Protein backbone atom coordinates (compact mmCIF):
# COMPACT_ATOMS: atom_id res chain seq x y z
CA MET A 1 -57.17 -151.83 236.50
CA ALA A 2 -59.52 -152.55 233.56
CA ALA A 3 -57.85 -152.10 230.24
CA ASP A 4 -60.64 -149.89 228.94
CA ASP A 5 -59.94 -147.60 233.00
CA LEU A 6 -56.31 -147.83 232.00
CA GLU A 7 -56.71 -146.33 228.65
CA ARG A 8 -58.76 -143.55 230.10
CA ALA A 9 -56.08 -142.64 232.65
CA MET A 10 -52.99 -142.50 230.40
CA TRP A 11 -55.01 -140.78 228.04
CA ALA A 12 -56.17 -138.27 230.80
CA GLU A 13 -52.83 -137.75 231.54
CA ALA A 14 -51.55 -137.05 228.08
CA CYS A 15 -54.08 -134.51 227.78
CA ARG A 16 -52.69 -132.76 231.10
CA MET A 17 -49.62 -132.80 229.43
CA LEU A 18 -50.21 -131.38 226.51
CA ASP A 19 -52.11 -128.81 228.28
CA ARG A 20 -49.03 -128.15 230.22
CA ALA A 21 -47.02 -128.14 226.97
CA GLU A 22 -48.81 -125.28 225.57
CA HIS A 23 -49.15 -123.45 228.68
CA LEU A 24 -44.96 -123.22 228.62
CA GLN A 25 -44.68 -122.76 225.41
CA ARG A 26 -47.11 -119.70 225.17
CA GLN A 27 -45.20 -118.26 228.82
CA PHE A 28 -41.68 -118.58 227.59
CA PHE A 29 -41.09 -119.33 223.70
CA ARG A 30 -42.67 -116.43 221.70
CA PRO A 31 -41.01 -116.31 218.41
CA GLY A 32 -40.93 -113.57 216.54
CA ARG A 33 -43.43 -111.51 219.73
CA GLN A 34 -40.22 -110.36 221.72
CA ALA A 35 -41.66 -107.05 223.06
CA ALA A 36 -44.26 -109.18 225.34
CA ALA A 37 -42.41 -110.47 228.22
CA TRP A 38 -45.93 -112.76 229.17
CA GLU A 39 -49.45 -114.00 228.18
CA PRO A 40 -52.33 -113.62 230.84
CA PRO A 41 -54.83 -116.76 231.25
CA VAL A 42 -57.59 -116.71 229.45
CA ASP A 43 -61.40 -118.57 229.95
CA VAL A 44 -63.81 -118.69 226.73
CA TYR A 45 -67.02 -119.59 226.43
CA GLU A 46 -69.57 -119.38 223.83
CA VAL A 47 -73.38 -118.27 225.12
CA ASP A 48 -75.97 -117.96 222.46
CA GLY A 49 -74.02 -116.90 219.69
CA ALA A 50 -72.28 -114.28 221.45
CA LEU A 51 -67.86 -114.99 222.72
CA LEU A 52 -67.80 -114.49 226.92
CA LEU A 53 -64.25 -113.65 227.79
CA VAL A 54 -62.66 -113.74 230.63
CA VAL A 55 -58.93 -112.88 231.22
CA ALA A 56 -56.79 -112.94 234.69
CA LEU A 57 -54.87 -109.63 234.71
CA PRO A 58 -53.82 -108.98 238.57
CA GLY A 59 -51.97 -105.66 238.94
CA VAL A 60 -52.91 -104.22 235.99
CA GLU A 61 -54.96 -101.07 235.93
CA ALA A 62 -58.31 -101.51 233.86
CA GLN A 63 -57.92 -98.07 231.93
CA SER A 64 -55.14 -99.19 230.73
CA ILE A 65 -55.63 -102.36 228.55
CA ASP A 66 -56.25 -101.97 224.79
CA VAL A 67 -58.63 -104.39 223.21
CA THR A 68 -58.87 -104.17 219.72
CA VAL A 69 -60.42 -107.01 216.73
CA GLU A 70 -57.75 -107.21 213.89
CA ARG A 71 -58.87 -109.68 211.59
CA ALA A 72 -60.08 -112.74 212.52
CA GLU A 73 -58.02 -112.13 216.14
CA LEU A 74 -58.90 -110.58 219.39
CA VAL A 75 -55.81 -108.78 220.98
CA ILE A 76 -55.24 -107.64 224.57
CA ARG A 77 -52.27 -105.28 225.25
CA ALA A 78 -50.72 -103.55 228.50
CA GLU A 79 -48.66 -103.52 230.88
CA ARG A 80 -48.56 -104.82 234.69
CA HIS A 81 -45.43 -103.12 236.86
CA LEU A 82 -43.92 -104.28 239.21
CA PRO A 83 -45.34 -103.10 242.57
CA VAL A 84 -42.31 -102.80 244.50
CA GLU A 85 -40.94 -100.17 247.12
CA ALA A 86 -37.83 -98.91 246.17
CA GLY A 87 -34.58 -100.76 247.92
CA ALA A 88 -36.79 -103.53 248.54
CA ARG A 89 -35.02 -107.01 247.73
CA ILE A 90 -37.50 -109.86 246.39
CA ARG A 91 -37.47 -112.85 247.97
CA ARG A 92 -40.27 -114.58 244.94
CA LEU A 93 -41.57 -113.22 241.87
CA GLU A 94 -44.54 -115.40 240.93
CA ILE A 95 -47.08 -112.84 239.21
CA PRO A 96 -45.97 -111.95 235.77
CA HIS A 97 -45.00 -108.33 235.13
CA GLY A 98 -43.85 -106.47 232.38
CA HIS A 99 -45.27 -105.58 228.71
CA PHE A 100 -48.24 -108.21 227.48
CA GLU A 101 -50.19 -109.29 224.77
CA ARG A 102 -52.59 -112.13 224.31
CA ARG A 103 -53.99 -112.84 221.04
CA LEU A 104 -56.82 -115.51 220.36
CA SER A 105 -57.94 -116.73 217.53
CA LEU A 106 -61.94 -115.82 216.60
CA PRO A 107 -64.39 -118.35 215.01
CA ALA A 108 -65.13 -117.62 211.18
CA GLY A 109 -67.24 -114.46 210.92
CA ARG A 110 -66.85 -111.00 211.93
CA HIS A 111 -66.98 -110.02 215.95
CA GLN A 112 -67.42 -106.47 217.56
CA LEU A 113 -66.75 -106.04 221.25
CA GLU A 114 -70.48 -105.57 222.72
CA GLN A 115 -69.20 -105.20 226.69
CA ARG A 116 -66.28 -104.23 228.28
CA ASP A 117 -66.26 -105.37 232.38
CA TRP A 118 -63.44 -105.06 235.27
CA ARG A 119 -63.64 -107.11 238.13
CA ASN A 120 -62.17 -108.75 240.96
CA GLY A 121 -58.69 -108.06 238.82
CA CYS A 122 -59.95 -109.97 235.40
CA LEU A 123 -61.17 -108.01 232.31
CA TYR A 124 -64.92 -110.00 230.93
CA LEU A 125 -65.14 -109.68 227.88
CA ARG A 126 -68.40 -110.20 225.18
CA LEU A 127 -68.13 -110.21 221.72
CA ARG A 128 -70.99 -110.47 219.23
CA ARG A 129 -70.81 -112.19 215.86
CA ILE A 130 -71.97 -109.71 213.29
């Protein structure tokens, strides 16, 4: 393997490890935010000066989701209840449950929630810079 290829491969692996570490930190270590049990994954895109966000929220009721813009952050809060029948024994539990709060820093400037849609277990948000 050429030195350039090896360097690129090592850099790519380091980036993957950093992404994984950040994910684990968000999931398990949240000093000062003990009330929230988990954070949903979010994809963020920018199109024509607007931010488009897709928030994965399986099992969360759309009407229970609170979305606010606080200072320079977008805040998304709700709760996912365990959809379990009484007396059920849990064999595997991978989808997070309980109260969640996700805070996302916004680019400089003021932003306003312009559109909110719920499709296929995902919350779609459009924020316009004002």
